C-alpha atoms as a PDB file:
ATOM      1  CA  UNK A   1      35.750  89.179 180.256  1.00  0.00           C
ATOM      2  CA  UNK A   2      37.300  92.576 180.784  1.00  0.00           C
ATOM      3  CA  UNK A   3      34.250  94.403 182.126  1.00  0.00           C
ATOM      4  CA  UNK A   4      36.177  97.682 182.355  1.00  0.00           C
ATOM      5  CA  UNK A   5      36.736  97.669 178.606  1.00  0.00           C
ATOM      6  CA  UNK A   6      33.679  95.885 177.195  1.00  0.00           C
ATOM      7  CA  UNK A   7      29.935  95.741 177.779  1.00  0.00           C
ATOM      8  CA  UNK A   8      27.961  92.592 176.982  1.00  0.00           C
ATOM      9  CA  UNK A   9      24.292  92.280 176.059  1.00  0.00           C
ATOM     10  CA  UNK A  10      22.075  89.421 174.933  1.00  0.00           C
ATOM     11  CA  UNK A  11      22.812  86.844 177.617  1.00  0.00           C
ATOM     12  CA  UNK A  12      19.961  85.477 179.781  1.00  0.00           C
ATOM     13  CA  UNK A  13      19.824  86.138 183.503  1.00  0.00           C
ATOM     14  CA  UNK A  14      19.419  82.433 184.196  1.00  0.00           C
ATOM     15  CA  UNK A  15      19.776  79.037 182.528  1.00  0.00           C
ATOM     16  CA  UNK A  16      18.172  75.760 183.525  1.00  0.00           C
ATOM     17  CA  UNK A  17      20.478  73.044 184.827  1.00  0.00           C
ATOM     18  CA  UNK A  18      19.252  69.454 184.480  1.00  0.00           C
ATOM     19  CA  UNK A  19      21.056  67.096 186.902  1.00  0.00           C
ATOM     20  CA  UNK A  20      21.091  63.313 187.085  1.00  0.00           C
ATOM     21  CA  UNK A  21      23.001  60.890 189.269  1.00  0.00           C
ATOM     22  CA  UNK A  22      22.726  59.569 192.834  1.00  0.00           C
ATOM     23  CA  UNK A  23      19.462  60.826 194.311  1.00  0.00           C
ATOM     24  CA  UNK A  24      20.962  62.205 197.530  1.00  0.00           C
ATOM     25  CA  UNK A  25      23.699  64.028 195.626  1.00  0.00           C
ATOM     26  CA  UNK A  26      21.232  65.562 193.171  1.00  0.00           C
ATOM     27  CA  UNK A  27      19.035  66.771 196.047  1.00  0.00           C
ATOM     28  CA  UNK A  28      21.958  68.240 197.979  1.00  0.00           C
ATOM     29  CA  UNK A  29      23.343  69.991 194.894  1.00  0.00           C
ATOM     30  CA  UNK A  30      19.922  71.419 193.965  1.00  0.00           C
ATOM     31  CA  UNK A  31      19.410  72.734 197.493  1.00  0.00           C
ATOM     32  CA  UNK A  32      22.862  74.231 198.054  1.00  0.00           C
ATOM     33  CA  UNK A  33      23.661  75.273 194.470  1.00  0.00           C
ATOM     34  CA  UNK A  34      27.326  75.379 195.418  1.00  0.00           C
ATOM     35  CA  UNK A  35      28.508  75.566 191.817  1.00  0.00           C
ATOM     36  CA  UNK A  36      28.481  78.244 189.132  1.00  0.00           C
ATOM     37  CA  UNK A  37      27.434  78.423 185.523  1.00  0.00           C
ATOM     38  CA  UNK A  38      29.330  80.781 183.245  1.00  0.00           C
ATOM     39  CA  UNK A  39      30.227  81.793 179.695  1.00  0.00           C
ATOM     40  CA  UNK A  40      33.909  82.452 178.997  1.00  0.00           C
ATOM     41  CA  UNK A  41      34.276  85.557 176.830  1.00  0.00           C
ATOM     42  CA  UNK A  42      37.902  86.295 177.704  1.00  0.00           C
ATOM     43  CA  UNK A  43      39.271  85.428 174.258  1.00  0.00           C
ATOM     44  CA  UNK A  44      36.505  87.090 172.249  1.00  0.00           C
ATOM     45  CA  UNK A  45      36.565  90.507 170.649  1.00  0.00           C
ATOM     46  CA  UNK A  46      33.952  93.075 169.656  1.00  0.00           C
ATOM     47  CA  UNK A  47      30.979  91.630 167.801  1.00  0.00           C
ATOM     48  CA  UNK A  48      28.258  88.982 168.072  1.00  0.00           C
ATOM     49  CA  UNK A  49      29.262  85.508 169.236  1.00  0.00           C
ATOM     50  CA  UNK A  50      27.622  82.193 170.098  1.00  0.00           C
ATOM     51  CA  UNK A  51      29.135  80.864 173.304  1.00  0.00           C
ATOM     52  CA  UNK A  52      28.915  77.498 175.053  1.00  0.00           C
ATOM     53  CA  UNK A  53      27.690  77.437 178.661  1.00  0.00           C
ATOM     54  CA  UNK A  54      30.162  75.907 181.127  1.00  0.00           C
ATOM     55  CA  UNK A  55      30.118  74.957 184.795  1.00  0.00           C
ATOM     56  CA  UNK A  56      32.479  74.876 187.710  1.00  0.00           C
ATOM     57  CA  UNK A  57      32.002  73.031 191.007  1.00  0.00           C
ATOM     58  CA  UNK A  58      29.640  70.173 190.092  1.00  0.00           C
ATOM     59  CA  UNK A  59      30.495  66.811 191.614  1.00  0.00           C
ATOM     60  CA  UNK A  60      32.082  64.456 189.073  1.00  0.00           C
ATOM     61  CA  UNK A  61      29.463  61.788 189.907  1.00  0.00           C
ATOM     62  CA  UNK A  62      26.737  64.019 188.446  1.00  0.00           C
ATOM     63  CA  UNK A  63      25.697  64.282 184.845  1.00  0.00           C
ATOM     64  CA  UNK A  64      24.350  67.652 183.707  1.00  0.00           C
ATOM     65  CA  UNK A  65      22.723  69.408 180.806  1.00  0.00           C
ATOM     66  CA  UNK A  66      22.126  73.140 180.269  1.00  0.00           C
ATOM     67  CA  UNK A  67      19.092  74.704 178.661  1.00  0.00           C
ATOM     68  CA  UNK A  68      20.078  76.624 176.639  1.00  0.00           C
ATOM     69  CA  UNK A  69      23.426  74.953 176.024  1.00  0.00           C
ATOM     70  CA  UNK A  70      24.746  77.968 174.087  1.00  0.00           C
ATOM     71  CA  UNK A  71      23.911  81.651 174.184  1.00  0.00           C
ATOM     72  CA  UNK A  72      24.292  84.533 171.753  1.00  0.00           C
ATOM     73  CA  UNK A  73      26.103  87.589 173.116  1.00  0.00           C
ATOM     74  CA  UNK A  74      27.003  90.963 171.704  1.00  0.00           C
ATOM     75  CA  UNK A  75      30.303  92.451 172.892  1.00  0.00           C
ATOM     76  CA  UNK A  76      30.799  96.169 172.403  1.00  0.00           C
ATOM     77  CA  UNK A  77      33.245  98.761 173.708  1.00  0.00           C
ATOM     78  CA  UNK A  78      32.108  99.969 177.109  1.00  0.00           C
ATOM     79  CA  UNK A  79      31.055 103.600 177.322  1.00  0.00           C
ATOM     80  CA  UNK A  80      29.968 105.767 180.236  1.00  0.00           C
ATOM     81  CA  UNK A  81      28.306 109.152 179.806  1.00  0.00           C
ATOM     82  CA  UNK A  82      26.314 111.639 181.864  1.00  0.00           C
ATOM     83  CA  UNK A  83      22.866 112.774 180.753  1.00  0.00           C
ATOM     84  CA  UNK A  84      20.534 115.485 182.080  1.00  0.00           C
ATOM     85  CA  UNK A  85      17.297 114.141 183.524  1.00  0.00           C
ATOM     86  CA  UNK A  86      13.855 115.206 182.305  1.00  0.00           C
ATOM     87  CA  UNK A  87      10.566 114.551 184.090  1.00  0.00           C
ATOM     88  CA  UNK A  88       7.659 113.234 182.013  1.00  0.00           C
ATOM     89  CA  UNK A  89       4.029 112.741 183.021  1.00  0.00           C
ATOM     90  CA  UNK A  90       0.584 112.544 181.417  1.00  0.00           C
ATOM     91  CA  UNK A  91      -0.545 116.178 181.344  1.00  0.00           C
ATOM     92  CA  UNK A  92      -4.047 115.107 180.339  1.00  0.00           C
ATOM     93  CA  UNK A  93      -4.450 113.516 183.796  1.00  0.00           C
ATOM     94  CA  UNK A  94      -4.448 116.929 185.498  1.00  0.00           C
ATOM     95  CA  UNK A  95      -8.030 117.729 186.564  1.00  0.00           C
ATOM     96  CA  UNK A  96      -9.992 120.293 184.611  1.00  0.00           C
ATOM     97  CA  UNK A  97      -9.494 123.725 186.147  1.00  0.00           C
ATOM     98  CA  UNK A  98      -6.146 122.826 187.684  1.00  0.00           C
ATOM     99  CA  UNK A  99      -2.651 123.524 186.482  1.00  0.00           C
ATOM    100  CA  UNK A 100       0.696 121.786 186.972  1.00  0.00           C
ATOM    101  CA  UNK A 101       3.795 123.741 187.877  1.00  0.00           C
ATOM    102  CA  UNK A 102       7.366 122.815 187.013  1.00  0.00           C
ATOM    103  CA  UNK A 103       8.230 119.243 187.962  1.00  0.00           C
ATOM    104  CA  UNK A 104      11.485 118.901 189.898  1.00  0.00           C
ATOM    105  CA  UNK A 105      13.612 115.861 190.763  1.00  0.00           C
ATOM    106  CA  UNK A 106      16.258 115.299 193.405  1.00  0.00           C
ATOM    107  CA  UNK A 107      18.494 114.045 190.580  1.00  0.00           C
ATOM    108  CA  UNK A 108      19.682 116.514 187.949  1.00  0.00           C
ATOM    109  CA  UNK A 109      21.800 114.160 185.851  1.00  0.00           C
ATOM    110  CA  UNK A 110      22.479 110.428 185.707  1.00  0.00           C
ATOM    111  CA  UNK A 111      25.423 108.240 184.771  1.00  0.00           C
ATOM    112  CA  UNK A 112      24.764 105.787 181.964  1.00  0.00           C
ATOM    113  CA  UNK A 113      26.944 102.789 181.190  1.00  0.00           C
ATOM    114  CA  UNK A 114      26.520 100.402 178.305  1.00  0.00           C
ATOM    115  CA  UNK A 115      27.621  99.283 174.876  1.00  0.00           C
ATOM    116  CA  UNK A 116      28.720 102.228 172.769  1.00  0.00           C
ATOM    117  CA  UNK A 117      26.203 101.421 170.008  1.00  0.00           C
ATOM    118  CA  UNK A 118      23.362 101.430 172.564  1.00  0.00           C
ATOM    119  CA  UNK A 119      24.444 104.679 174.197  1.00  0.00           C
ATOM    120  CA  UNK A 120      24.639 106.318 170.757  1.00  0.00           C
ATOM    121  CA  UNK A 121      20.899 105.542 170.329  1.00  0.00           C
ATOM    122  CA  UNK A 122      19.882 107.575 173.387  1.00  0.00           C
ATOM    123  CA  UNK A 123      17.895 110.734 172.667  1.00  0.00           C
ATOM    124  CA  UNK A 124      16.546 111.471 176.145  1.00  0.00           C
ATOM    125  CA  UNK A 125      16.702 110.250 179.733  1.00  0.00           C
ATOM    126  CA  UNK A 126      13.437 110.656 181.609  1.00  0.00           C
ATOM    127  CA  UNK A 127      11.872 110.027 184.996  1.00  0.00           C
ATOM    128  CA  UNK A 128       8.384 108.700 184.261  1.00  0.00           C
ATOM    129  CA  UNK A 129       6.104 110.136 186.962  1.00  0.00           C
ATOM    130  CA  UNK A 130       2.790 108.370 187.512  1.00  0.00           C
ATOM    131  CA  UNK A 131       0.000 110.976 187.708  1.00  0.00           C
ATOM    132  CA  UNK A 132      -3.433 109.547 188.580  1.00  0.00           C
ATOM    133  CA  UNK A 133      -6.505 110.479 186.569  1.00  0.00           C
ATOM    134  CA  UNK A 134      -8.170 113.755 187.535  1.00  0.00           C
ATOM    135  CA  UNK A 135      -5.269 114.803 189.792  1.00  0.00           C
ATOM    136  CA  UNK A 136      -6.055 117.882 191.912  1.00  0.00           C
ATOM    137  CA  UNK A 137      -3.215 117.927 194.449  1.00  0.00           C
ATOM    138  CA  UNK A 138       0.572 118.060 194.310  1.00  0.00           C
ATOM    139  CA  UNK A 139       2.444 114.776 193.849  1.00  0.00           C
ATOM    140  CA  UNK A 140       5.632 113.626 195.575  1.00  0.00           C
ATOM    141  CA  UNK A 141       6.644 110.222 194.305  1.00  0.00           C
ATOM    142  CA  UNK A 142       9.524 108.018 193.242  1.00  0.00           C
ATOM    143  CA  UNK A 143       9.848 107.653 189.476  1.00  0.00           C
ATOM    144  CA  UNK A 144      11.725 105.073 187.412  1.00  0.00           C
ATOM    145  CA  UNK A 145      14.427 106.527 185.157  1.00  0.00           C
ATOM    146  CA  UNK A 146      14.559 105.338 181.542  1.00  0.00           C
ATOM    147  CA  UNK A 147      16.824 106.005 178.579  1.00  0.00           C
ATOM    148  CA  UNK A 148      14.794 106.404 175.365  1.00  0.00           C
ATOM    149  CA  UNK A 149      15.669 106.428 171.675  1.00  0.00           C
ATOM    150  CA  UNK A 150      14.139 108.621 168.964  1.00  0.00           C
ATOM    151  CA  UNK A 151      11.072 106.329 168.775  1.00  0.00           C
ATOM    152  CA  UNK A 152      10.580 106.384 172.568  1.00  0.00           C
ATOM    153  CA  UNK A 153      11.788 102.795 172.924  1.00  0.00           C
ATOM    154  CA  UNK A 154      13.796 101.876 176.037  1.00  0.00           C
ATOM    155  CA  UNK A 155      17.536 101.535 175.426  1.00  0.00           C
ATOM    156  CA  UNK A 156      19.361  98.619 177.082  1.00  0.00           C
ATOM    157  CA  UNK A 157      21.835 100.421 179.369  1.00  0.00           C
ATOM    158  CA  UNK A 158      22.649 100.642 183.084  1.00  0.00           C
ATOM    159  CA  UNK A 159      21.456 103.890 184.711  1.00  0.00           C
ATOM    160  CA  UNK A 160      22.778 105.201 188.018  1.00  0.00           C
ATOM    161  CA  UNK A 161      20.707 106.086 189.982  1.00  0.00           C
ATOM    162  CA  UNK A 162      17.801 103.996 188.692  1.00  0.00           C
ATOM    163  CA  UNK A 163      15.072 106.122 190.326  1.00  0.00           C
ATOM    164  CA  UNK A 164      14.463 109.737 191.313  1.00  0.00           C
ATOM    165  CA  UNK A 165      12.195 111.451 193.833  1.00  0.00           C
ATOM    166  CA  UNK A 166       9.967 113.793 191.834  1.00  0.00           C
ATOM    167  CA  UNK A 167       7.721 116.651 192.984  1.00  0.00           C
ATOM    168  CA  UNK A 168       4.939 117.998 190.769  1.00  0.00           C
ATOM    169  CA  UNK A 169       2.973 120.955 192.169  1.00  0.00           C
ATOM    170  CA  UNK A 170      -0.711 120.985 191.143  1.00  0.00           C
ATOM    171  CA  UNK A 171      -2.842 124.003 192.011  1.00  0.00           C
ATOM    172  CA  UNK A 172      -6.156 125.535 190.908  1.00  0.00           C
ATOM    173  CA  UNK A 173      -5.763 127.617 187.756  1.00  0.00           C
ATOM    174  CA  UNK A 174      -6.866 131.216 187.256  1.00  0.00           C
ATOM    175  CA  UNK A 175     -10.484 131.424 188.294  1.00  0.00           C
ATOM    176  CA  UNK A 176     -13.429 133.618 189.097  1.00  0.00           C
ATOM    177  CA  UNK A 177     -16.984 133.050 190.273  1.00  0.00           C
ATOM    178  CA  UNK A 178     -19.761 133.713 187.752  1.00  0.00           C
ATOM    179  CA  UNK A 179     -23.549 133.306 187.588  1.00  0.00           C
ATOM    180  CA  UNK A 180     -25.046 130.459 185.581  1.00  0.00           C
ATOM    181  CA  UNK A 181     -27.311 131.243 182.645  1.00  0.00           C
ATOM    182  CA  UNK A 182     -29.778 128.405 182.013  1.00  0.00           C
ATOM    183  CA  UNK A 183     -30.986 127.991 178.434  1.00  0.00           C
ATOM    184  CA  UNK A 184     -33.429 125.381 177.070  1.00  0.00           C
ATOM    185  CA  UNK A 185     -32.217 123.117 174.288  1.00  0.00           C
ATOM    186  CA  UNK A 186     -34.211 120.811 172.054  1.00  0.00           C
ATOM    187  CA  UNK A 187     -37.372 122.918 171.598  1.00  0.00           C
ATOM    188  CA  UNK A 188     -39.056 121.992 168.300  1.00  0.00           C
ATOM    189  CA  UNK A 189     -42.346 123.894 168.666  1.00  0.00           C
ATOM    190  CA  UNK A 190     -42.449 127.692 168.782  1.00  0.00           C
ATOM    191  CA  UNK A 191     -45.297 127.474 171.292  1.00  0.00           C
ATOM    192  CA  UNK A 192     -43.211 125.439 173.741  1.00  0.00           C
ATOM    193  CA  UNK A 193     -41.702 127.180 176.736  1.00  0.00           C
ATOM    194  CA  UNK A 194     -39.980 125.994 179.908  1.00  0.00           C
ATOM    195  CA  UNK A 195     -38.974 127.405 183.247  1.00  0.00           C
ATOM    196  CA  UNK A 196     -35.484 126.390 184.347  1.00  0.00           C
ATOM    197  CA  UNK A 197     -34.330 126.722 187.951  1.00  0.00           C
ATOM    198  CA  UNK A 198     -31.306 125.567 189.917  1.00  0.00           C
ATOM    199  CA  UNK A 199     -30.226 125.849 193.519  1.00  0.00           C
ATOM    200  CA  UNK A 200     -26.725 126.519 192.182  1.00  0.00           C
ATOM    201  CA  UNK A 201     -26.695 130.172 191.178  1.00  0.00           C
ATOM    202  CA  UNK A 202     -22.950 130.650 190.713  1.00  0.00           C
ATOM    203  CA  UNK A 203     -19.969 128.407 189.885  1.00  0.00           C
ATOM    204  CA  UNK A 204     -16.199 128.865 189.877  1.00  0.00           C
ATOM    205  CA  UNK A 205     -14.737 129.052 186.389  1.00  0.00           C
ATOM    206  CA  UNK A 206     -11.134 128.118 185.554  1.00  0.00           C
ATOM    207  CA  UNK A 207      -9.236 129.377 182.538  1.00  0.00           C
ATOM    208  CA  UNK A 208      -6.613 131.741 181.229  1.00  0.00           C
ATOM    209  CA  UNK A 209      -6.758 135.426 182.090  1.00  0.00           C
ATOM    210  CA  UNK A 210      -7.980 136.198 178.570  1.00  0.00           C
ATOM    211  CA  UNK A 211     -10.693 133.517 178.711  1.00  0.00           C
ATOM    212  CA  UNK A 212     -12.029 134.710 182.061  1.00  0.00           C
ATOM    213  CA  UNK A 213     -12.004 138.342 181.002  1.00  0.00           C
ATOM    214  CA  UNK A 214     -14.394 137.628 178.119  1.00  0.00           C
ATOM    215  CA  UNK A 215     -16.897 135.669 180.214  1.00  0.00           C
ATOM    216  CA  UNK A 216     -19.629 137.323 182.283  1.00  0.00           C
ATOM    217  CA  UNK A 217     -21.900 134.298 182.819  1.00  0.00           C
ATOM    218  CA  UNK A 218     -21.699 130.532 182.330  1.00  0.00           C
ATOM    219  CA  UNK A 219     -24.048 129.316 179.624  1.00  0.00           C
ATOM    220  CA  UNK A 220     -25.731 126.029 180.594  1.00  0.00           C
ATOM    221  CA  UNK A 221     -27.738 124.308 177.877  1.00  0.00           C
ATOM    222  CA  UNK A 222     -30.485 122.083 179.292  1.00  0.00           C
ATOM    223  CA  UNK A 223     -32.117 119.431 177.104  1.00  0.00           C
ATOM    224  CA  UNK A 224     -35.893 119.811 177.432  1.00  0.00           C
ATOM    225  CA  UNK A 225     -36.900 117.489 174.569  1.00  0.00           C
ATOM    226  CA  UNK A 226     -38.063 114.686 176.883  1.00  0.00           C
ATOM    227  CA  UNK A 227     -39.875 116.815 179.486  1.00  0.00           C
ATOM    228  CA  UNK A 228     -43.660 116.568 179.485  1.00  0.00           C
ATOM    229  CA  UNK A 229     -44.474 118.254 182.809  1.00  0.00           C
ATOM    230  CA  UNK A 230     -41.670 118.567 185.355  1.00  0.00           C
ATOM    231  CA  UNK A 231     -38.288 116.891 185.543  1.00  0.00           C
ATOM    232  CA  UNK A 232     -34.997 117.376 187.405  1.00  0.00           C
ATOM    233  CA  UNK A 233     -31.719 116.664 185.614  1.00  0.00           C
ATOM    234  CA  UNK A 234     -28.019 116.614 186.405  1.00  0.00           C
ATOM    235  CA  UNK A 235     -26.476 118.812 183.731  1.00  0.00           C
ATOM    236  CA  UNK A 236     -22.754 118.836 182.897  1.00  0.00           C
ATOM    237  CA  UNK A 237     -21.226 122.265 182.348  1.00  0.00           C
ATOM    238  CA  UNK A 238     -19.625 122.494 178.908  1.00  0.00           C
ATOM    239  CA  UNK A 239     -16.125 124.020 178.883  1.00  0.00           C
ATOM    240  CA  UNK A 240     -16.029 124.149 175.065  1.00  0.00           C
ATOM    241  CA  UNK A 241     -19.356 125.981 174.920  1.00  0.00           C
ATOM    242  CA  UNK A 242     -17.969 128.640 177.264  1.00  0.00           C
ATOM    243  CA  UNK A 243     -14.376 128.575 175.906  1.00  0.00           C
ATOM    244  CA  UNK A 244     -12.751 127.948 179.308  1.00  0.00           C
ATOM    245  CA  UNK A 245     -10.790 125.126 180.979  1.00  0.00           C
ATOM    246  CA  UNK A 246     -13.336 123.937 183.516  1.00  0.00           C
ATOM    247  CA  UNK A 247     -15.727 124.564 186.404  1.00  0.00           C
ATOM    248  CA  UNK A 248     -16.326 123.762 190.055  1.00  0.00           C
ATOM    249  CA  UNK A 249     -18.757 122.195 190.451  1.00  0.00           C
ATOM    250  CA  UNK A 250     -18.764 120.805 186.910  1.00  0.00           C
ATOM    251  CA  UNK A 251     -22.345 119.483 187.164  1.00  0.00           C
ATOM    252  CA  UNK A 252     -25.453 121.153 188.547  1.00  0.00           C
ATOM    253  CA  UNK A 253     -29.009 120.006 189.248  1.00  0.00           C
ATOM    254  CA  UNK A 254     -31.636 121.781 187.143  1.00  0.00           C
ATOM    255  CA  UNK A 255     -35.416 121.624 187.593  1.00  0.00           C
ATOM    256  CA  UNK A 256     -37.290 121.825 184.274  1.00  0.00           C
ATOM    257  CA  UNK A 257     -40.955 122.814 184.299  1.00  0.00           C
ATOM    258  CA  UNK A 258     -43.019 122.829 181.109  1.00  0.00           C
ATOM    259  CA  UNK A 259     -45.231 125.889 180.815  1.00  0.00           C
ATOM    260  CA  UNK A 260     -48.786 125.083 179.695  1.00  0.00           C
END
């Protein structure tokens, strides 16, 4: 086919070749594979076609069969365009209290070649950066480049280059250190009272400037409903309760003593 003018999709990467004939000849042919299997599209125009698989180079003493014997191909005008590259990553994987800066790639734009109808489907070209869960440090990694349609499905085109080196800076967000304020939770009797103590007196709080400005202490609610005398618990700090992004540490040990 004229690969400068047309782009073909639909054909398999491989077909199975079943050989029969003299044992030694079959073995030699299977080992050397000194023949080729092809589909002749030279006389076909734009559109979908069913084409018979052919061979060249097999010894005339061999019998052969292809699986599949025919293939379905789609021939479309070839088109090459340039697209700007975006970097995508799972923002929810950034650790609480940390913030991601602007991701940058060593590739600013890519060349895309394919069938014109496929290229017309493209809405974005992205480098998909893998960010591990609870990421707290900057990432430098190679990312696969994909062409996506409006439904975020991958479009069948050739992208050059196929990968990009991406850098994503991750740093602690705005923060300040604040005292913890321990409060009992789960008291059902007005006569009940508890003493709450923790070796952790202060924690670092992460959030926006406005969030941090409003906060003077970190409220820590401690469930006392199952304490009969004395108990020590690991208590998670609640970012929603305090209207901030997160804490370090995000859990503290609290000793609960029931007052008689």
